Structure formats: C-alpha cells, structure tokens
Protein backbone atom coordinates (compact mmCIF):
# COMPACT_ATOMS: atom_id res chain seq x y z
CA MET A 1 14.07 -45.51 -144.07
CA PHE A 2 11.74 -42.59 -144.63
CA ARG A 3 10.59 -40.44 -147.48
CA ALA A 4 9.83 -36.74 -147.46
CA SER A 5 6.20 -35.84 -148.06
CA LEU A 6 5.96 -32.32 -149.52
CA THR A 7 3.33 -30.90 -147.21
CA PHE A 8 2.89 -27.20 -146.55
CA THR A 9 5.08 -27.51 -143.43
CA THR A 10 7.90 -29.20 -145.34
CA LEU A 11 7.85 -26.54 -148.04
CA LEU A 12 7.79 -23.76 -145.45
CA PHE A 13 10.88 -25.05 -143.66
CA CYS A 14 12.73 -25.75 -146.91
CA VAL A 15 12.07 -22.25 -148.29
CA THR A 16 12.89 -20.58 -144.96
CA SER A 17 16.17 -22.47 -144.65
CA LEU A 18 17.22 -21.61 -148.21
CA VAL A 19 16.49 -17.92 -147.75
CA HIS A 20 18.27 -17.67 -144.42
CA ALA A 21 21.22 -19.81 -145.56
CA VAL A 22 22.19 -17.09 -148.02
CA GLU A 23 22.04 -14.38 -145.36
CA LEU A 24 23.69 -16.11 -142.42
CA LEU A 25 27.00 -14.95 -141.03
CA PRO A 26 29.98 -17.27 -141.64
CA ALA A 27 30.15 -20.38 -139.50
CA ASP A 28 33.59 -19.55 -138.09
CA GLN A 29 32.40 -16.50 -136.10
CA PRO A 30 32.40 -16.63 -132.26
CA VAL A 31 28.92 -17.45 -130.98
CA GLU A 32 28.76 -14.33 -128.80
CA SER A 33 29.73 -12.07 -131.73
CA VAL A 34 26.99 -13.51 -133.91
CA ILE A 35 24.42 -13.02 -131.15
CA ASP A 36 25.38 -9.38 -130.73
CA HIS A 37 25.40 -8.79 -134.48
CA TYR A 38 21.82 -9.95 -134.97
CA VAL A 39 20.40 -8.53 -131.73
CA ASP A 40 22.06 -5.13 -132.24
CA ASP A 41 21.02 -5.07 -135.89
CA LEU A 42 17.33 -5.27 -135.00
CA ILE A 43 17.77 -2.69 -132.23
CA GLN A 44 19.45 -0.23 -134.59
CA LYS A 45 17.03 -0.77 -137.45
CA ASN A 46 14.14 0.15 -135.17
CA ASP A 47 15.88 3.05 -133.40
CA VAL A 48 15.57 1.29 -130.05
CA GLN A 49 17.60 2.58 -127.11
CA PRO A 50 19.11 -0.39 -125.22
CA ALA A 51 19.80 -0.45 -121.49
CA GLY A 52 23.37 -0.11 -120.28
CA GLN A 53 25.67 -2.94 -119.25
CA LEU A 54 25.61 -4.43 -115.76
CA ASP A 55 28.14 -3.40 -113.19
CA ALA A 56 30.57 -6.07 -112.00
CA ASN A 57 28.64 -6.98 -108.83
CA ILE A 58 25.42 -7.76 -110.64
CA LEU A 59 27.14 -9.47 -113.57
CA ILE A 60 28.89 -12.03 -111.37
CA ARG A 61 25.59 -12.61 -109.58
CA ARG A 62 23.69 -13.20 -112.83
CA LEU A 63 26.40 -15.44 -114.26
CA THR A 64 26.73 -17.52 -111.10
CA LEU A 65 22.98 -18.01 -110.82
CA ASP A 66 22.77 -19.06 -114.48
CA LEU A 67 25.83 -21.30 -114.55
CA ALA A 68 26.05 -22.56 -110.97
CA GLY A 69 22.45 -22.34 -109.82
CA ARG A 70 23.28 -20.22 -106.77
CA ILE A 71 24.42 -16.74 -105.83
CA PRO A 72 28.19 -16.17 -105.60
CA THR A 73 29.88 -16.57 -102.23
CA THR A 74 31.44 -13.46 -100.75
CA ALA A 75 34.87 -14.98 -101.45
CA GLU A 76 34.02 -15.40 -105.13
CA LEU A 77 32.62 -11.87 -105.26
CA HIS A 78 35.77 -10.32 -103.80
CA ALA A 79 38.06 -12.37 -106.07
CA TYR A 80 36.08 -11.33 -109.14
CA LEU A 81 36.10 -7.64 -108.26
CA ALA A 82 39.86 -7.79 -107.68
CA ALA A 83 40.60 -9.55 -110.99
CA ASP A 84 41.62 -7.94 -114.30
CA PRO A 85 38.42 -6.48 -115.85
CA ALA A 86 39.68 -7.35 -119.34
CA ILE A 87 39.65 -11.10 -118.73
CA ARG A 88 37.68 -11.81 -115.56
CA ARG A 89 34.33 -12.45 -117.24
CA VAL A 90 35.69 -15.10 -119.60
CA GLU A 91 37.71 -16.68 -116.81
CA LEU A 92 34.65 -16.83 -114.54
CA VAL A 93 32.46 -18.35 -117.24
CA ASP A 94 35.03 -21.00 -118.13
CA ARG A 95 35.67 -21.82 -114.47
CA LEU A 96 31.97 -22.25 -113.74
CA LEU A 97 31.32 -24.28 -116.90
CA SER A 98 33.96 -26.79 -115.86
CA SER A 99 32.85 -26.95 -112.22
CA PRO A 100 30.57 -29.40 -110.38
CA ASP A 101 28.21 -26.43 -109.90
CA PHE A 102 27.43 -26.32 -113.61
CA PHE A 103 26.89 -30.05 -113.88
CA ASP A 104 24.41 -30.04 -111.00
CA HIS A 105 22.63 -26.88 -112.10
CA HIS A 106 22.39 -27.84 -115.77
CA ARG A 107 20.97 -31.19 -114.63
CA ASN A 108 18.43 -29.38 -112.46
CA GLU A 109 17.35 -27.13 -115.32
CA LEU A 110 16.97 -30.03 -117.75
CA GLN A 111 14.97 -31.86 -115.11
CA LEU A 112 12.60 -28.89 -114.81
CA LEU A 113 12.12 -28.98 -118.57
CA LEU A 114 11.67 -32.72 -118.98
CA GLU A 115 10.25 -34.20 -115.78
CA TYR A 116 6.71 -35.52 -115.57
CA PRO A 117 4.64 -33.39 -113.13
CA ASP A 118 3.52 -36.40 -111.10
CA ARG A 119 7.08 -37.74 -110.78
CA ARG A 120 9.05 -34.78 -109.48
CA ASN A 121 12.62 -35.51 -108.40
CA ASP A 122 12.76 -39.00 -109.86
CA ASN A 123 16.16 -40.17 -108.60
CA ASP A 124 16.89 -42.47 -111.55
CA PHE A 125 16.15 -39.75 -114.09
CA ARG A 126 18.20 -37.20 -112.10
CA LYS A 127 21.06 -39.68 -112.01
CA TYR A 128 20.97 -39.98 -115.78
CA LEU A 129 20.80 -36.22 -116.33
CA LEU A 130 23.78 -35.61 -114.04
CA TRP A 131 25.81 -38.29 -115.80
CA ALA A 132 24.91 -36.78 -119.18
CA THR A 133 25.87 -33.24 -118.16
CA GLU A 134 29.16 -34.41 -116.65
CA GLN A 135 29.93 -36.13 -119.97
CA ASN A 136 28.73 -33.10 -121.93
CA ARG A 137 26.64 -35.64 -123.80
CA PRO A 138 25.38 -34.24 -127.12
CA TRP A 139 21.70 -33.28 -127.07
CA ASP A 140 20.79 -35.50 -130.02
CA GLU A 141 22.25 -38.48 -128.14
CA MET A 142 20.34 -37.53 -124.99
CA PHE A 143 17.21 -37.35 -127.13
CA ARG A 144 17.96 -40.86 -128.37
CA ASP A 145 18.63 -42.11 -124.83
CA MET A 146 15.32 -40.77 -123.53
CA LEU A 147 13.14 -41.94 -126.43
CA ALA A 148 14.75 -45.20 -127.52
CA GLY A 149 17.59 -46.07 -125.15
CA ASP A 150 18.99 -49.49 -124.38
CA GLU A 151 17.46 -51.07 -121.26
CA SER A 152 20.67 -53.06 -120.69
CA ASP A 153 22.69 -49.84 -120.22
CA GLU A 154 22.52 -48.43 -116.69
CA TYR A 155 22.22 -44.79 -117.73
CA GLN A 156 20.05 -45.24 -120.82
CA LYS A 157 17.66 -47.34 -118.76
CA ALA A 158 17.32 -44.38 -116.37
CA ALA A 159 16.89 -42.00 -119.33
CA LEU A 160 13.92 -44.06 -120.53
CA GLN A 161 11.97 -42.83 -117.51
CA PHE A 162 10.91 -40.00 -119.83
CA VAL A 163 8.84 -42.51 -121.81
CA LYS A 164 7.98 -44.83 -118.91
CA HIS A 165 6.35 -42.06 -116.85
CA ARG A 166 4.09 -41.27 -119.80
CA ALA A 167 3.64 -44.74 -121.30
CA ARG A 168 0.18 -45.29 -119.85
CA ASN A 169 -1.17 -42.09 -121.39
CA LEU A 170 -0.66 -41.98 -125.15
CA ASP A 171 -1.74 -38.34 -125.43
CA ASP A 172 0.77 -37.24 -122.77
CA LEU A 173 3.56 -39.16 -124.47
CA THR A 174 2.70 -37.69 -127.87
CA ASN A 175 2.20 -34.11 -126.69
CA ASP A 176 5.15 -33.95 -124.31
CA THR A 177 7.55 -35.34 -126.91
CA ALA A 178 6.37 -32.83 -129.52
CA ILE A 179 6.48 -29.90 -127.09
CA LEU A 180 9.70 -30.60 -125.20
CA PHE A 181 11.91 -31.91 -128.00
CA PHE A 182 10.48 -30.14 -131.05
CA GLY A 183 8.88 -26.96 -129.68
CA VAL A 184 5.50 -27.86 -131.14
CA ASN A 185 2.23 -28.00 -129.21
CA VAL A 186 0.26 -30.07 -131.67
CA SER A 187 -2.51 -31.06 -129.24
CA CYS A 188 -5.03 -28.69 -130.88
CA ALA A 189 -4.87 -30.84 -134.01
CA LYS A 190 -6.21 -33.95 -132.31
CA CYS A 191 -9.90 -33.33 -132.90
CA HIS A 192 -9.57 -31.20 -136.04
CA ASP A 193 -7.00 -29.45 -138.17
CA HIS A 194 -5.54 -26.54 -136.19
CA PRO A 195 -7.96 -23.60 -136.61
CA LEU A 196 -5.25 -20.90 -136.51
CA VAL A 197 -2.07 -22.57 -137.73
CA GLU A 198 -1.92 -23.89 -141.26
CA ASP A 199 1.01 -26.15 -140.35
CA TRP A 200 -0.77 -28.59 -138.07
CA LYS A 201 -3.33 -31.07 -139.33
CA GLN A 202 -4.87 -34.13 -137.73
CA ASP A 203 -2.45 -36.10 -139.89
CA HIS A 204 0.44 -34.55 -137.94
CA TYR A 205 -1.04 -35.28 -134.52
CA PHE A 206 -1.93 -38.88 -135.22
CA GLY A 207 1.19 -39.30 -137.32
CA MET A 208 3.23 -38.47 -134.21
CA GLN A 209 0.99 -40.61 -132.03
CA SER A 210 1.53 -43.62 -134.28
CA PHE A 211 5.22 -43.73 -133.30
CA PHE A 212 4.18 -44.40 -129.68
CA SER A 213 0.99 -46.40 -130.09
CA ARG A 214 2.77 -49.77 -129.84
CA THR A 215 4.75 -48.84 -126.69
CA PHE A 216 3.77 -50.51 -123.41
CA LEU A 217 5.18 -51.16 -119.94
CA THR A 218 5.99 -54.70 -118.91
CA LYS A 219 5.45 -56.14 -115.44
CA LYS A 220 9.18 -55.51 -114.80
CA GLN A 221 8.64 -51.84 -115.76
CA ASP A 222 10.69 -52.27 -118.91
CA LEU A 223 9.50 -50.80 -122.19
CA GLY A 224 8.06 -53.19 -124.69
CA GLU A 225 6.84 -52.62 -128.21
CA LYS A 226 4.00 -54.51 -129.84
CA PHE A 227 4.62 -56.36 -133.07
CA TYR A 228 1.77 -54.70 -134.92
CA GLY A 229 -0.85 -52.02 -134.45
CA GLU A 230 -2.55 -49.17 -136.28
CA VAL A 231 -3.75 -45.69 -135.31
CA LYS A 232 -7.02 -44.68 -136.87
CA PHE A 233 -8.86 -41.40 -136.51
CA THR A 234 -11.99 -39.74 -137.84
CA THR A 235 -11.77 -36.41 -139.64
CA THR A 236 -14.20 -33.58 -138.99
CA GLY A 237 -15.85 -34.65 -142.24
CA GLY A 238 -16.60 -38.07 -140.76
CA VAL A 239 -14.01 -39.96 -142.80
CA GLU A 240 -12.03 -42.66 -141.01
CA LYS A 241 -8.31 -42.59 -141.81
CA GLN A 242 -5.34 -44.72 -140.89
CA ALA A 243 -2.46 -42.61 -139.62
CA LYS A 244 0.93 -42.85 -141.25
CA PHE A 245 4.16 -42.81 -139.29
CA MET A 246 4.63 -39.13 -140.02
CA PHE A 247 6.99 -36.60 -138.43
CA LEU A 248 5.97 -32.98 -137.85
CA ASN A 249 7.50 -31.71 -141.07
CA GLY A 250 5.67 -34.28 -143.17
CA ALA A 251 8.50 -36.83 -143.46
CA VAL A 252 6.89 -40.28 -143.55
CA VAL A 253 8.46 -43.51 -142.32
CA GLU A 254 7.46 -46.52 -144.34
CA ASP A 255 5.57 -49.07 -142.26
CA ALA A 256 7.86 -52.12 -142.34
CA THR A 257 5.59 -54.30 -140.21
CA PRO A 258 5.58 -57.76 -141.80
CA GLU A 259 2.37 -59.34 -142.97
CA LEU A 260 1.01 -61.38 -140.08
CA THR A 261 -1.40 -64.27 -140.11
CA ASP A 262 -4.23 -64.45 -137.62
CA GLU A 263 -2.28 -67.15 -135.82
CA SER A 264 0.82 -64.92 -135.59
CA ARG A 265 -1.22 -62.02 -134.25
CA LYS A 266 -2.72 -64.25 -131.60
CA LYS A 267 0.75 -65.47 -130.59
CA TYR A 268 2.06 -61.92 -130.27
CA ASP A 269 -1.02 -60.78 -128.34
CA GLU A 270 -0.43 -63.59 -125.85
CA LEU A 271 3.23 -62.61 -125.51
CA VAL A 272 2.34 -59.00 -124.75
CA LYS A 273 -0.19 -60.14 -122.18
CA LYS A 274 2.42 -62.33 -120.47
CA LEU A 275 4.94 -59.48 -120.43
CA GLN A 276 2.39 -57.25 -118.73
CA GLN A 277 1.49 -59.89 -116.12
CA ASP A 278 4.65 -61.92 -115.46
CA ASP A 279 7.93 -60.26 -114.47
CA LYS A 280 9.91 -63.41 -115.35
CA VAL A 281 9.15 -63.17 -119.07
CA GLU A 282 11.97 -61.59 -121.09
CA VAL A 283 11.09 -58.84 -123.56
CA SER A 284 11.23 -59.70 -127.25
CA TYR A 285 11.41 -56.77 -129.63
CA PRO A 286 10.04 -56.64 -133.18
CA GLU A 287 12.39 -55.80 -136.03
CA PHE A 288 10.33 -52.71 -136.89
CA ARG A 289 10.26 -50.41 -133.84
CA PRO A 290 8.41 -47.11 -134.46
CA ARG A 291 9.98 -45.20 -131.55
CA GLN A 292 13.44 -45.87 -132.91
CA ARG A 293 12.29 -44.75 -136.35
CA LEU A 294 11.02 -41.48 -134.85
CA VAL A 295 14.45 -40.80 -133.32
CA GLU A 296 16.21 -41.60 -136.60
CA THR A 297 13.83 -39.42 -138.58
CA ALA A 298 13.93 -36.42 -136.23
CA SER A 299 17.75 -36.61 -136.01
CA HIS A 300 18.31 -36.94 -139.77
CA LYS A 301 20.09 -33.98 -141.33
CA ASP A 302 17.06 -33.28 -143.57
CA ASN A 303 14.69 -33.08 -140.60
CA ASP A 304 16.69 -31.87 -137.59
CA ASP A 305 15.47 -28.26 -137.78
CA PHE A 306 12.89 -28.98 -135.10
CA LEU A 307 15.29 -30.74 -132.71
CA ALA A 308 18.07 -28.15 -133.06
CA LYS A 309 15.90 -25.02 -133.10
CA ASN A 310 13.87 -26.18 -130.12
CA ILE A 311 16.86 -26.78 -127.83
CA VAL A 312 18.52 -23.53 -128.95
CA ASN A 313 15.28 -21.67 -128.23
CA ARG A 314 14.83 -23.42 -124.86
CA ILE A 315 18.35 -22.57 -123.70
CA TRP A 316 17.94 -18.99 -124.95
CA HIS A 317 14.64 -18.71 -123.08
CA ARG A 318 16.27 -20.04 -119.92
CA LEU A 319 19.12 -17.51 -120.01
CA MET A 320 17.35 -14.49 -121.51
CA GLY A 321 13.86 -14.78 -120.03
CA ARG A 322 12.13 -15.04 -123.41
CA GLY A 323 12.50 -17.26 -126.45
CA ILE A 324 13.59 -16.15 -129.89
CA VAL A 325 10.36 -17.96 -130.68
CA ASP A 326 7.96 -17.15 -127.87
CA PRO A 327 6.18 -18.99 -126.34
CA PRO A 328 8.77 -21.77 -126.85
CA ASP A 329 6.14 -24.43 -127.60
CA GLN A 330 4.80 -22.52 -130.63
CA LEU A 331 7.44 -23.14 -133.28
CA HIS A 332 5.32 -22.70 -136.43
CA SER A 333 4.77 -20.42 -139.41
CA GLU A 334 2.23 -18.18 -137.64
CA ASN A 335 4.65 -17.35 -134.80
CA SER A 336 7.72 -15.83 -136.39
CA PRO A 337 11.06 -15.71 -134.53
CA SER A 338 12.11 -12.27 -133.33
CA HIS A 339 15.53 -12.91 -134.89
CA PRO A 340 15.11 -15.61 -137.56
CA GLU A 341 18.68 -15.45 -138.87
CA LEU A 342 20.05 -15.72 -135.32
CA LEU A 343 17.92 -18.79 -134.62
CA ASP A 344 19.03 -20.36 -137.90
CA TRP A 345 22.70 -19.59 -137.25
CA LEU A 346 22.62 -20.94 -133.70
CA ALA A 347 20.76 -24.08 -134.80
CA ARG A 348 23.27 -24.65 -137.60
CA ASP A 349 26.18 -24.07 -135.23
CA THR A 350 24.69 -26.43 -132.67
CA VAL A 351 24.32 -29.22 -135.22
CA GLU A 352 27.77 -28.63 -136.73
CA HIS A 353 29.36 -28.79 -133.28
CA GLY A 354 27.69 -32.02 -132.30
CA TYR A 355 24.80 -30.61 -130.30
CA ASP A 356 27.21 -29.24 -127.69
CA LEU A 357 24.95 -27.37 -125.26
CA LYS A 358 27.86 -26.11 -123.19
CA ARG A 359 29.20 -24.30 -126.27
CA LEU A 360 25.79 -22.70 -126.84
CA ILE A 361 25.45 -21.61 -123.21
CA ARG A 362 28.96 -20.16 -123.17
CA GLY A 363 28.27 -18.09 -126.28
CA ILE A 364 25.03 -16.67 -124.90
CA VAL A 365 26.43 -15.63 -121.51
CA LEU A 366 29.48 -13.97 -123.08
CA SER A 367 27.35 -11.78 -125.33
CA THR A 368 26.66 -8.11 -124.75
CA ALA A 369 22.96 -8.87 -125.18
CA TYR A 370 23.08 -11.16 -122.12
CA SER A 371 24.82 -8.65 -119.86
CA ARG A 372 22.42 -5.74 -120.39
CA SER A 373 20.84 -4.26 -117.31
CA SER A 374 17.21 -4.86 -116.38
CA GLU A 375 16.93 -1.24 -115.17
CA TRP A 376 15.17 1.22 -117.45
CA ASP A 377 15.90 4.78 -116.38
CA SER A 378 14.25 6.64 -119.25
CA ALA A 379 10.88 8.33 -118.89
CA ALA A 380 9.87 6.72 -122.17
CA GLU A 381 8.22 3.33 -122.33
CA PRO A 382 10.78 0.50 -122.32
CA PRO A 383 11.19 -1.28 -125.66
CA SER A 384 9.32 -4.48 -126.40
CA ALA A 385 10.89 -7.57 -124.81
CA HIS A 386 11.47 -9.20 -128.19
CA TYR A 387 14.33 -6.79 -128.93
CA PHE A 388 16.35 -8.07 -125.95
CA ALA A 389 17.38 -4.45 -125.40
CA VAL A 390 16.59 -4.59 -121.67
CA ALA A 391 17.18 -7.67 -119.53
CA ILE A 392 14.10 -9.52 -118.31
CA PRO A 393 14.12 -10.30 -114.55
CA ARG A 394 13.65 -14.02 -113.99
CA PRO A 395 12.33 -15.69 -110.81
CA LEU A 396 14.69 -18.27 -109.37
CA SER A 397 13.75 -21.92 -109.64
CA PRO A 398 13.00 -23.67 -106.32
CA ARG A 399 16.50 -25.20 -106.24
CA GLN A 400 18.22 -21.95 -107.20
CA TYR A 401 16.40 -20.13 -104.42
CA ALA A 402 17.01 -22.86 -101.85
CA MET A 403 20.71 -23.07 -102.76
CA SER A 404 21.07 -19.29 -102.61
CA LEU A 405 19.45 -19.17 -99.17
CA LEU A 406 21.98 -21.71 -97.89
CA VAL A 407 24.94 -19.87 -99.43
CA ALA A 408 23.78 -16.45 -98.20
CA THR A 409 23.21 -17.49 -94.59
CA ARG A 410 26.47 -19.39 -94.10
CA ASN A 411 29.32 -17.72 -92.20
CA PRO A 412 31.12 -15.77 -94.99
CA PRO A 413 34.68 -16.83 -93.95
CA HIS A 414 33.60 -20.45 -94.53
CA TRP A 415 33.69 -19.86 -98.29
CA GLU A 416 37.23 -18.45 -98.45
CA GLN A 417 38.89 -21.88 -98.23
CA TRP A 418 37.21 -23.08 -101.41
CA LEU A 419 39.03 -20.63 -103.67
CA THR A 420 42.20 -22.70 -103.33
CA ARG A 421 40.77 -26.19 -102.76
CA SER A 422 40.51 -28.81 -105.50
CA ALA A 423 37.50 -29.34 -107.74
CA GLU A 424 37.06 -32.76 -106.16
CA ASP A 425 36.82 -31.19 -102.69
CA TRP A 426 34.32 -28.64 -103.95
CA LYS A 427 32.24 -31.40 -105.52
CA LYS A 428 31.64 -32.83 -102.06
CA GLU A 429 30.66 -29.40 -100.74
CA ARG A 430 28.34 -28.84 -103.69
CA THR A 431 26.73 -32.25 -103.16
CA GLY A 432 26.09 -31.25 -99.57
CA LEU A 433 24.44 -28.03 -100.75
CA GLU A 434 22.28 -29.98 -103.21
CA ASN A 435 21.18 -32.37 -100.49
CA GLY A 436 20.54 -29.53 -98.08
CA ALA A 437 18.49 -27.68 -100.68
CA ASN A 438 16.15 -30.63 -101.30
CA GLY A 439 13.87 -29.99 -98.35
CA TRP A 440 13.84 -26.23 -98.84
CA ALA A 441 13.09 -26.41 -102.56
CA ASN A 442 9.87 -28.29 -101.90
CA GLN A 443 8.51 -25.18 -100.17
CA PHE A 444 8.66 -23.08 -103.34
CA GLU A 445 6.58 -23.29 -106.48
CA ILE A 446 8.06 -23.78 -109.93
CA PRO A 447 7.71 -20.33 -111.53
CA GLY A 448 5.60 -19.93 -114.62
CA ALA A 449 4.59 -16.96 -116.73
CA ASN A 450 3.68 -13.80 -114.78
CA PHE A 451 5.16 -15.26 -111.60
CA GLN A 452 4.27 -13.72 -108.26
CA VAL A 453 5.39 -14.92 -104.85
CA ALA A 454 2.72 -17.26 -103.54
CA VAL A 455 0.91 -16.69 -100.27
CA ASP A 456 2.19 -20.07 -99.02
CA GLU A 457 5.77 -18.96 -99.57
CA ALA A 458 5.23 -15.66 -97.78
CA LEU A 459 3.60 -17.46 -94.83
CA PHE A 460 6.42 -20.00 -94.74
CA PHE A 461 9.03 -17.27 -94.29
CA SER A 462 6.89 -15.48 -91.73
CA ASN A 463 5.82 -18.38 -89.55
CA ASN A 464 7.92 -21.52 -90.03
CA ASP A 465 10.36 -22.33 -87.24
CA ARG A 466 12.92 -23.58 -89.76
CA ILE A 467 13.64 -20.01 -90.82
CA ASP A 468 14.68 -18.94 -87.32
CA ASN A 469 16.26 -22.25 -86.27
CA ASP A 470 18.36 -22.70 -89.39
CA LEU A 471 18.75 -19.71 -91.69
CA LEU A 472 18.72 -17.10 -88.89
CA ARG A 473 20.44 -19.17 -86.23
CA ASP A 474 22.73 -17.21 -83.92
CA SER A 475 25.78 -19.46 -84.18
CA GLY A 476 29.33 -19.26 -85.42
CA ASP A 477 28.58 -21.07 -88.67
CA ARG A 478 25.79 -18.69 -89.72
CA LEU A 479 25.66 -15.17 -91.13
CA VAL A 480 23.80 -13.78 -88.11
CA GLY A 481 26.44 -15.12 -85.72
CA TYR A 482 29.18 -13.65 -87.90
CA ILE A 483 27.80 -10.12 -88.25
CA LYS A 484 26.91 -10.00 -84.54
CA GLU A 485 30.59 -10.36 -83.72
CA LEU A 486 31.58 -7.44 -85.96
CA LYS A 487 30.32 -5.00 -83.28
CA ASP A 488 30.27 -2.06 -85.76
CA PRO A 489 26.65 -1.78 -87.02
CA ALA A 490 27.73 -0.32 -90.37
CA ALA A 491 30.17 -3.18 -90.95
CA ALA A 492 27.46 -5.68 -90.03
CA ILE A 493 25.05 -4.17 -92.55
CA ASN A 494 27.70 -4.14 -95.27
CA ALA A 495 28.54 -7.80 -94.65
CA ALA A 496 24.88 -8.80 -94.71
CA PHE A 497 24.27 -7.03 -98.02
CA GLU A 498 27.34 -8.60 -99.61
CA ALA A 499 26.39 -12.09 -98.45
CA VAL A 500 22.79 -11.87 -99.66
CA ASN A 501 22.76 -9.31 -102.49
CA SER A 502 26.37 -9.48 -103.75
CA ARG A 503 26.76 -5.73 -103.31
CA GLN A 504 27.25 -2.98 -100.77
CA PRO A 505 24.15 -1.11 -99.55
CA THR A 506 23.37 2.31 -100.94
CA LYS A 507 23.66 5.30 -98.61
CA ASP A 508 19.90 5.39 -98.15
CA GLU A 509 19.71 1.67 -97.43
CA GLN A 510 22.50 1.84 -94.90
CA ALA A 511 20.99 4.88 -93.20
CA ALA A 512 17.60 3.16 -92.89
CA MET A 513 19.18 0.01 -91.49
CA LEU A 514 21.30 1.93 -89.01
CA ASP A 515 18.23 3.83 -87.80
CA TYR A 516 16.43 0.53 -87.31
CA LEU A 517 19.31 -1.01 -85.36
CA GLU A 518 19.50 2.10 -83.18
CA THR A 519 15.86 1.69 -82.17
CA ARG A 520 16.47 -1.97 -81.27
CA LYS A 521 19.67 -1.60 -79.23
CA GLU A 522 18.12 -3.43 -76.30
CA ASN A 523 18.19 -6.65 -78.39
CA GLU A 524 20.79 -6.25 -81.11
CA THR A 525 20.83 -9.93 -82.10
CA ALA A 526 17.07 -9.95 -82.75
CA ALA A 527 17.45 -6.73 -84.75
CA LEU A 528 20.24 -8.20 -86.89
CA LYS A 529 18.08 -11.28 -87.53
CA GLN A 530 15.35 -8.99 -88.81
CA VAL A 531 17.81 -7.24 -91.13
CA VAL A 532 18.94 -10.56 -92.60
CA TRP A 533 15.33 -11.80 -92.81
CA ALA A 534 14.33 -8.68 -94.76
CA LEU A 535 17.16 -9.27 -97.25
CA LEU A 536 16.36 -12.98 -97.67
CA THR A 537 12.70 -12.33 -98.41
CA SER A 538 13.23 -9.37 -100.73
CA PRO A 539 12.62 -9.53 -104.50
CA GLU A 540 16.33 -8.82 -104.97
CA LEU A 541 17.21 -12.33 -103.81
CA ARG A 542 14.11 -13.99 -105.28
CA PHE A 543 14.89 -12.90 -108.87
CA ASN A 544 17.82 -13.03 -111.24
CA TYR A 545 17.78 -9.50 -112.59
C-alpha cells in the first residue's frame, strides 16, 4: 500500500531508533520508574541540584487539577491527609483516573489541543471526545476517527468535525494535521525548502497536502472525496512538480487512481457539483481514498514514530509544563529531545500497550519528576527547565479555573457527602459543575507561552456583578455564608484558605488577615468577602504550581 522512500528524514529516524533501541530500559519496567531513571540520570550527569518533593497539601492539589480539572474539595483534602502516606498517592491517582472527573477533564484538554479556533466548544466534537475518553479509546483509533471516520457511525461522524471545520481551507487542514497529530510544523516548506531544518522540503509539504486535496464538504455537510485530482507546485528554481502522496518521513503511497477518460472525468465533476449543491444526493466514494491512505501510512508500525512520539510529548507537555521536545510542534533533527531515550521508551511503551493514554498519564503523575516542587530556595540560578529538576508553574485553562472557582466558593460541608456517594451520583454533580463552568470559562483566555493575566480578566473580577452575586454571595450554600457563621475570625481565615488554596495560612498570612478583619469590624461580612476575593484572584489559585 505504500513504499518507503529513503529520504534524509527516513534515514535519520531509522538510525536514531536503532541507536536508542540498544540503550532503552527493558519494556517490563513501571512507567514511573523509567521516567525517574532517565530524568535523574541527566540531572546527576550535569551535577544539577533538583528541588525537593511537594508536601501533601500541594501534591493533592496538583494531582486533582491535572486529573480532575479542578482543585480538591476540602473533604477530599482532609481524607487524603488522614490516609496512609505509603499508599495514598497511588490510591488517589487510581480513584481520579476512574472517575467522571477524569473523563470530563481529559476531554476538555483534548478539545483545547484539537479544536478549530473559530469553532470553540463544538458540541458534537465535545460529545465524541467525552465518549472516547470514557471508553479509553486508543489514540491511534481516535486519530483514525477524526481523519477518516465512518459518517454512518454516530460518534465517528462527530469526530470528523476535525476535518470538516478545516475542509474549506486546504492549508489549515494540512498544517493542523501535521502539527497536532505528528508534532511537525511543516508550513515553512510551502514556498521553499525549510531554510533551517534539513528534514522539511517542499515535497513534504505538498506530499502531505495531496492527501487532503480531494476532500470536500457536501451540501449535507458530509465529507466527500473526489475521484481524481493532482497537487502541483513550483520549486524555487521555477520547476513545476507534481506532488506524490508522501508522508513526513518520506514514505510514499502509490497513486491507485484509475485511468479516467474525459467522459468519466466530466461525469465525476458533475457528481461532485451535485453533492455540493443538493442535499438529497447520496455520497459516492472512490475506491482510492487518500485520507484513508494517510491514516494507514501514519499508523503503520514502520512509520508510527511521529504519531506515538507526538502524543507522548503533548501529554508530557501538558503535565510537566514543557515538552521533552520543545516547542512540541518542532519534532525534527535540529531540535533534539532533552531526554531522547525517555521519549523513545515512552513512545514504544505507548504503541505496545495499544496507545493507552490513561496508562501514560498514570505513569507520569506517579513519578518523582512530576512531584518536584516549583519553589527554588537556593541563591544560585535555578537549573534550565529542560532538566525537569524544578516544577514549572502552569496557568489553569479557562475550564480548570472556572471549575476551581465554583468548587472553592461552595459551602465546604456540601462536599462531604460525596466521599461516600456512588460514582453515578458524582457524575451528575460533575456534569452540573461542567455546565456551571461554561459561562465563567468564556471570561478567561486560553493561556499560551509567557502567560500573564489579561487586563480584561482583572477588570472582570473587579467590576462584574457576577462575582459578588454568585461567588461571594452571603448565603448558606456559599463559602462566605459558611465562614461568617464560624464567628471565630481565625477559624474563618483557616477555612477560607483550605477551600481556596488547599492549605492552612502561614502565621504571617493569618496575622495580616486578622489585622484586616479587626479594622473592618463594623462590617464583618464585607470584610470576609474581601478576604475570599483576594484568595480567588491570587496567582496561587490561577496557577498549578
């Protein structure tokens, strides 16, 4: 179905894989042990001093944000702190990974990665992603669903929104597929061979584009594929070339388009025109379908380095704040991984275990590398981020922040009942939180590199009536109403800190808060609202640190 063309890129990946295959740790090692072996090895070889491990309060906060998409409730915090330290971390991780929280949050994170900017919160696509995460659907099968799914299947039809949203812009479809599924930004090779990266030629860009060039949307908004079509481009030397169906590593799919007469071409052109104009015309598919051939080629065991390494690197980036290859869309020979053997081992493990992303996530969050502190107490400069010796603070996504605001400002005793209720009951509560977070999340920007809180967000918290009427409402179902009834100012401050920051205040923090409350005794409720407002708008809640 395809043949391997021995380009520079193919040779590079073959040689790299052979070298690393000899050096990789055995396949039967726990994922977290392998991570710590390779990360610690680089740290020790370079005499780097790593940060210490997180204390229990911050660890449960980090884990719950990363696996559930929200801060822990006070009930969860207290239960964790009271549990056996020898087993509580593993038990927490396994509980969260099997909970509705993980399914919703993992869906939300995949949506952030894959959604088209102009189609945020597409309900059909979100429905597919939730179904896939609940099934723990293998990543290679999700890739197939999104690129070449079956329109007659309810969920695969929704998955095809990835292509449908981009179908009218061939460059977007080509670039986004290469970037999001293969970790390769090949757009610089459109007008000329990449000036800085030997790997990417015009042949690669237009080779990838050729797999999508026959794709079109019908009047019914189904995906059709033309029966013939060529992609031609002009080199910088002025030579016109016809693109091959070529994957990023140089593997070429033979063009199996049958020879067509002029009459046949005219018939097929008329059919495509009817499909685009009449929603009663049923789609007819050619026998040779380039998009399907791309999926088969990229998923083949000889070519799946890109698919596996990209998703490993994306998940690592999500949980660690930086990719093993960084930036994550620059997977090429001029941008070496910080830990090449680790990336190879994790990619191999991911493929051998059926592209099980939950297994990968579990291994990362159980590693010592993951649970390092983000605090650097030494007077010396902190080590470079690529060592993963000090944790990288990460801004919360809009949904994480919105969900955490709702959890933090709810009456703390409300959460105690859920420790003993069924998963099915909690699923309803979680769905309510998701729905409640929708409107709030729209107020916050999706964080990018070098994130800083936007002026609009700061003004929203300072001036919008929703903050006072909802989050800071003085009622029995809200945090402010709860701490007001405690009467003891110190107890109120402690409860507020636990609800919002998952920890007790330091002596200095408590003293400052008590002094503030003392000066506002004439209106204690307003003063307590200000205390909670200050905690909600602080960087400590806005970041996962």
